[in-house]
N, C-alpha and C. Protein backbone atom coordinates (compact mmCIF):
# COMPACT_ATOMS: atom_id res chain seq x y z
N LEU A 1 10.71 21.84 -75.84
CA LEU A 1 11.74 22.79 -74.82
C LEU A 1 12.33 21.45 -74.26
N LEU A 2 13.33 21.26 -73.99
CA LEU A 2 14.57 20.70 -73.50
C LEU A 2 15.68 21.11 -72.61
N THR A 3 15.31 21.33 -71.20
CA THR A 3 16.70 21.82 -70.50
C THR A 3 17.64 20.45 -69.74
N ILE A 4 18.93 20.68 -70.25
CA ILE A 4 19.65 19.76 -69.66
C ILE A 4 20.59 20.10 -69.00
N SER A 5 20.67 19.99 -67.68
CA SER A 5 21.98 21.15 -67.09
C SER A 5 23.05 19.60 -66.50
N ASP A 6 23.52 19.96 -65.49
CA ASP A 6 24.29 19.05 -64.96
C ASP A 6 23.33 18.02 -64.11
N ALA A 7 23.68 16.74 -63.99
CA ALA A 7 22.93 16.09 -63.69
C ALA A 7 22.90 16.25 -62.08
N GLU A 8 23.86 16.24 -61.72
CA GLU A 8 24.16 16.13 -59.89
C GLU A 8 23.16 17.59 -59.26
N SER A 9 24.14 18.39 -59.75
CA SER A 9 23.68 20.02 -59.89
C SER A 9 21.83 19.55 -59.83
N TRP A 10 21.67 19.48 -61.05
CA TRP A 10 19.98 19.00 -61.25
C TRP A 10 19.31 18.49 -59.98
N TYR A 11 19.72 17.02 -59.39
CA TYR A 11 19.50 16.57 -58.19
C TYR A 11 19.71 17.23 -56.98
N GLU A 12 20.56 17.79 -56.94
CA GLU A 12 20.32 18.75 -55.62
C GLU A 12 19.57 19.59 -55.52
N ASN A 13 19.32 20.56 -56.70
CA ASN A 13 18.69 21.52 -56.18
C ASN A 13 17.29 21.03 -56.25
N TYR A 14 16.70 19.93 -56.86
CA TYR A 14 15.52 19.19 -56.47
C TYR A 14 15.02 19.38 -55.28
N ALA A 15 16.27 18.41 -54.73
CA ALA A 15 16.21 17.92 -53.52
C ALA A 15 15.87 19.11 -52.65
N LYS A 16 16.86 19.94 -52.59
CA LYS A 16 16.52 21.40 -51.95
C LYS A 16 15.07 21.94 -52.08
N MET A 17 14.50 22.28 -52.98
CA MET A 17 13.55 22.54 -53.34
C MET A 17 12.24 21.58 -52.42
N GLU A 18 12.62 20.36 -53.08
CA GLU A 18 11.49 19.23 -52.13
C GLU A 18 11.79 19.53 -50.48
N ARG A 19 12.77 19.81 -49.77
CA ARG A 19 13.02 20.00 -48.10
C ARG A 19 11.99 21.28 -48.10
N PHE A 20 12.11 22.34 -49.14
CA PHE A 20 11.46 23.76 -48.60
C PHE A 20 10.03 23.49 -48.62
N LEU A 21 9.63 23.06 -49.67
CA LEU A 21 8.48 22.82 -49.81
C LEU A 21 7.75 21.66 -48.81
N THR A 22 8.43 20.84 -48.54
CA THR A 22 7.80 20.36 -47.59
C THR A 22 7.72 20.56 -46.35
N THR A 23 8.79 21.59 -45.49
CA THR A 23 8.80 22.22 -44.61
C THR A 23 7.78 23.09 -44.49
N TYR A 24 7.68 23.83 -45.03
CA TYR A 24 6.78 25.08 -45.16
C TYR A 24 5.41 25.20 -45.72
N HIS A 25 5.22 24.38 -46.83
CA HIS A 25 4.17 24.37 -47.42
C HIS A 25 3.14 22.74 -47.63
N SER A 26 3.70 21.93 -46.73
CA SER A 26 2.94 20.40 -46.47
C SER A 26 1.76 19.89 -47.34
N GLN A 27 0.75 20.57 -46.31
CA GLN A 27 -0.43 20.11 -46.50
C GLN A 27 -1.22 20.32 -47.74
N LEU A 28 -0.83 21.89 -47.92
CA LEU A 28 -1.64 22.34 -49.36
C LEU A 28 -0.51 21.62 -50.56
N LEU A 29 0.16 21.80 -50.74
CA LEU A 29 1.57 21.36 -52.00
C LEU A 29 1.18 19.58 -52.41
N HIS A 30 1.47 18.88 -51.05
CA HIS A 30 0.31 17.45 -51.56
C HIS A 30 -0.66 17.53 -51.78
N GLU A 31 -1.60 17.93 -51.23
CA GLU A 31 -3.08 17.87 -52.11
C GLU A 31 -2.92 18.56 -53.63
N LYS A 32 -2.23 19.42 -53.91
CA LYS A 32 -2.19 19.66 -55.22
C LYS A 32 -1.64 18.70 -56.16
N PHE A 33 -0.13 18.03 -56.02
CA PHE A 33 0.27 17.54 -56.35
C PHE A 33 -0.43 15.85 -56.72
N ASP A 34 -0.93 16.05 -55.28
CA ASP A 34 -2.11 14.44 -55.42
C ASP A 34 -3.20 14.22 -56.31
N ALA A 35 -3.64 15.86 -56.78
CA ALA A 35 -4.64 16.07 -57.99
C ALA A 35 -3.92 16.28 -59.32
N LEU A 36 -3.29 16.16 -59.51
CA LEU A 36 -2.37 16.36 -60.88
C LEU A 36 -2.46 15.07 -61.02
N PRO A 37 -2.50 14.82 -62.96
CA PRO A 37 -2.31 13.57 -63.61
C PRO A 37 -1.31 13.14 -63.65
N PRO A 38 -1.09 11.53 -63.47
CA PRO A 38 -0.54 10.55 -63.95
C PRO A 38 0.94 11.48 -64.36
N GLU A 39 0.88 11.90 -65.78
CA GLU A 39 2.08 11.94 -66.70
C GLU A 39 2.33 13.80 -66.38
N CYS A 40 2.37 14.27 -65.38
CA CYS A 40 2.55 15.53 -64.83
C CYS A 40 3.63 15.30 -63.70
N LYS A 41 3.74 13.86 -63.30
CA LYS A 41 4.58 13.71 -62.26
C LYS A 41 5.83 12.80 -62.47
N ALA A 42 6.22 13.36 -63.54
CA ALA A 42 7.51 12.72 -64.32
C ALA A 42 8.49 12.04 -63.31
N LEU A 43 8.78 13.01 -62.12
CA LEU A 43 9.58 12.54 -61.27
C LEU A 43 9.86 11.11 -60.25
N THR A 44 8.45 11.16 -60.29
CA THR A 44 7.78 9.88 -59.70
C THR A 44 7.65 8.76 -60.59
N PHE A 45 7.42 8.92 -61.80
CA PHE A 45 7.85 8.16 -63.01
C PHE A 45 8.82 7.59 -62.84
N TRP A 46 9.83 8.42 -62.42
CA TRP A 46 11.43 8.16 -63.00
C TRP A 46 11.98 7.29 -61.72
N GLY A 47 11.19 7.26 -60.67
CA GLY A 47 11.79 6.70 -59.74
C GLY A 47 12.60 7.80 -58.87
N CYS A 48 12.24 9.15 -59.16
CA CYS A 48 12.99 9.84 -57.97
C CYS A 48 12.45 9.83 -56.61
N ARG A 49 13.25 10.32 -55.68
CA ARG A 49 13.05 10.14 -54.24
C ARG A 49 13.98 10.95 -54.07
N PHE A 50 13.44 12.38 -53.07
CA PHE A 50 14.35 13.34 -52.94
C PHE A 50 14.79 13.45 -51.32
N LEU A 51 13.31 12.94 -50.36
CA LEU A 51 13.40 13.11 -49.30
C LEU A 51 13.49 12.02 -48.53
N ASN A 52 14.64 11.87 -47.69
CA ASN A 52 15.23 10.85 -47.33
C ASN A 52 15.91 9.13 -48.39
N SER A 53 16.23 9.94 -48.94
CA SER A 53 16.69 9.31 -50.03
C SER A 53 17.93 8.58 -49.86
N THR A 54 18.36 7.14 -50.39
CA THR A 54 19.81 6.58 -49.89
C THR A 54 20.21 6.78 -51.60
N GLN A 55 21.28 6.62 -51.70
CA GLN A 55 22.51 6.71 -52.59
C GLN A 55 21.87 5.71 -54.02
N LYS A 56 21.78 4.60 -53.18
CA LYS A 56 20.22 4.14 -54.72
C LYS A 56 19.20 4.63 -55.19
N ASP A 57 18.40 5.13 -54.44
CA ASP A 57 17.62 6.22 -54.94
C ASP A 57 18.40 7.17 -56.03
N LYS A 58 18.70 7.37 -55.86
CA LYS A 58 19.82 8.93 -56.34
C LYS A 58 20.48 8.00 -57.32
N ASP A 59 20.58 7.13 -57.52
CA ASP A 59 21.46 6.22 -58.74
C ASP A 59 20.47 6.60 -59.83
N ILE A 60 19.13 5.77 -59.28
CA ILE A 60 17.97 5.35 -60.22
C ILE A 60 17.53 6.76 -60.84
N CYS A 61 17.45 7.73 -60.08
CA CYS A 61 17.20 8.99 -60.14
C CYS A 61 17.84 9.25 -61.37
N LEU A 62 18.72 9.53 -60.87
CA LEU A 62 19.53 10.38 -62.31
C LEU A 62 19.92 8.98 -63.58
N ARG A 63 20.11 7.99 -63.21
CA ARG A 63 20.33 7.27 -64.57
C ARG A 63 18.73 7.42 -65.37
N ASN A 64 17.78 7.39 -64.92
CA ASN A 64 16.72 7.96 -65.45
C ASN A 64 16.05 9.46 -66.24
N TYR A 65 17.25 10.20 -65.31
CA TYR A 65 17.27 11.24 -66.20
C TYR A 65 17.96 11.98 -67.28
N HIS A 66 19.23 10.83 -67.48
CA HIS A 66 19.84 11.08 -68.44
C HIS A 66 19.06 9.94 -69.38
N ARG A 67 17.96 8.89 -69.06
CA ARG A 67 17.27 8.64 -70.16
C ARG A 67 16.72 9.13 -70.71
N HIS A 68 15.90 9.36 -70.02
CA HIS A 68 15.09 10.86 -70.64
C HIS A 68 15.34 12.00 -71.64
N ASN A 69 16.54 12.37 -71.09
CA ASN A 69 17.00 13.08 -71.93
C ASN A 69 17.59 12.97 -73.63
N GLN A 70 18.29 11.85 -73.44
CA GLN A 70 18.42 11.01 -74.63
C GLN A 70 17.21 10.28 -75.51
N ARG A 71 16.11 9.86 -74.72
CA ARG A 71 15.32 9.53 -75.55
C ARG A 71 14.62 10.40 -76.32
N VAL A 72 14.34 11.64 -75.54
CA VAL A 72 13.68 13.10 -76.08
C VAL A 72 14.80 13.44 -77.79
N GLN A 73 16.08 13.57 -77.27
CA GLN A 73 16.97 13.47 -78.34
C GLN A 73 16.83 12.94 -79.72
N GLU A 74 16.65 11.78 -79.22
CA GLU A 74 16.46 10.46 -80.40
C GLU A 74 14.72 10.54 -81.26
N VAL A 75 13.96 10.88 -80.62
CA VAL A 75 12.31 11.20 -80.68
C VAL A 75 12.61 12.27 -81.72
N ILE A 76 12.90 14.13 -81.41
CA ILE A 76 12.72 14.97 -81.63
C ILE A 76 13.81 15.45 -82.58
N PRO A 77 13.51 16.26 -83.71
CA PRO A 77 14.58 16.04 -84.24
C PRO A 77 15.10 17.70 -84.19
N PRO A 78 16.54 17.77 -83.69
CA PRO A 78 17.42 18.71 -83.35
C PRO A 78 16.60 20.26 -83.73
N GLU A 79 16.30 20.12 -85.05
CA GLU A 79 15.84 22.07 -85.02
C GLU A 79 14.64 21.92 -84.82
N ARG A 80 13.80 21.10 -83.82
CA ARG A 80 12.65 21.40 -83.38
C ARG A 80 12.76 21.51 -82.19
N LEU A 81 14.42 20.83 -81.02
CA LEU A 81 14.42 21.25 -79.89
C LEU A 81 14.82 22.77 -79.18
N LEU A 82 14.19 23.31 -78.53
CA LEU A 82 14.38 24.69 -77.76
C LEU A 82 15.24 24.58 -77.18
């Protein structure tokens, strides 16, 4: 399953979610996130920062978002993508 959306909208939605989660559920969510295996933390792997991010942080994240989507489409045959 590869969900592709407008990169700017995707980034802004993730930033809003991160701000909400950090504000209302900080300790519990951070403990759960820290317990996840590295492969489940793709956004960290992509270099994404949503809190206190700079334009450079955002540019890196969006560039890696596009790279990921392109790579998936190169590797997975179109008939196998949902």
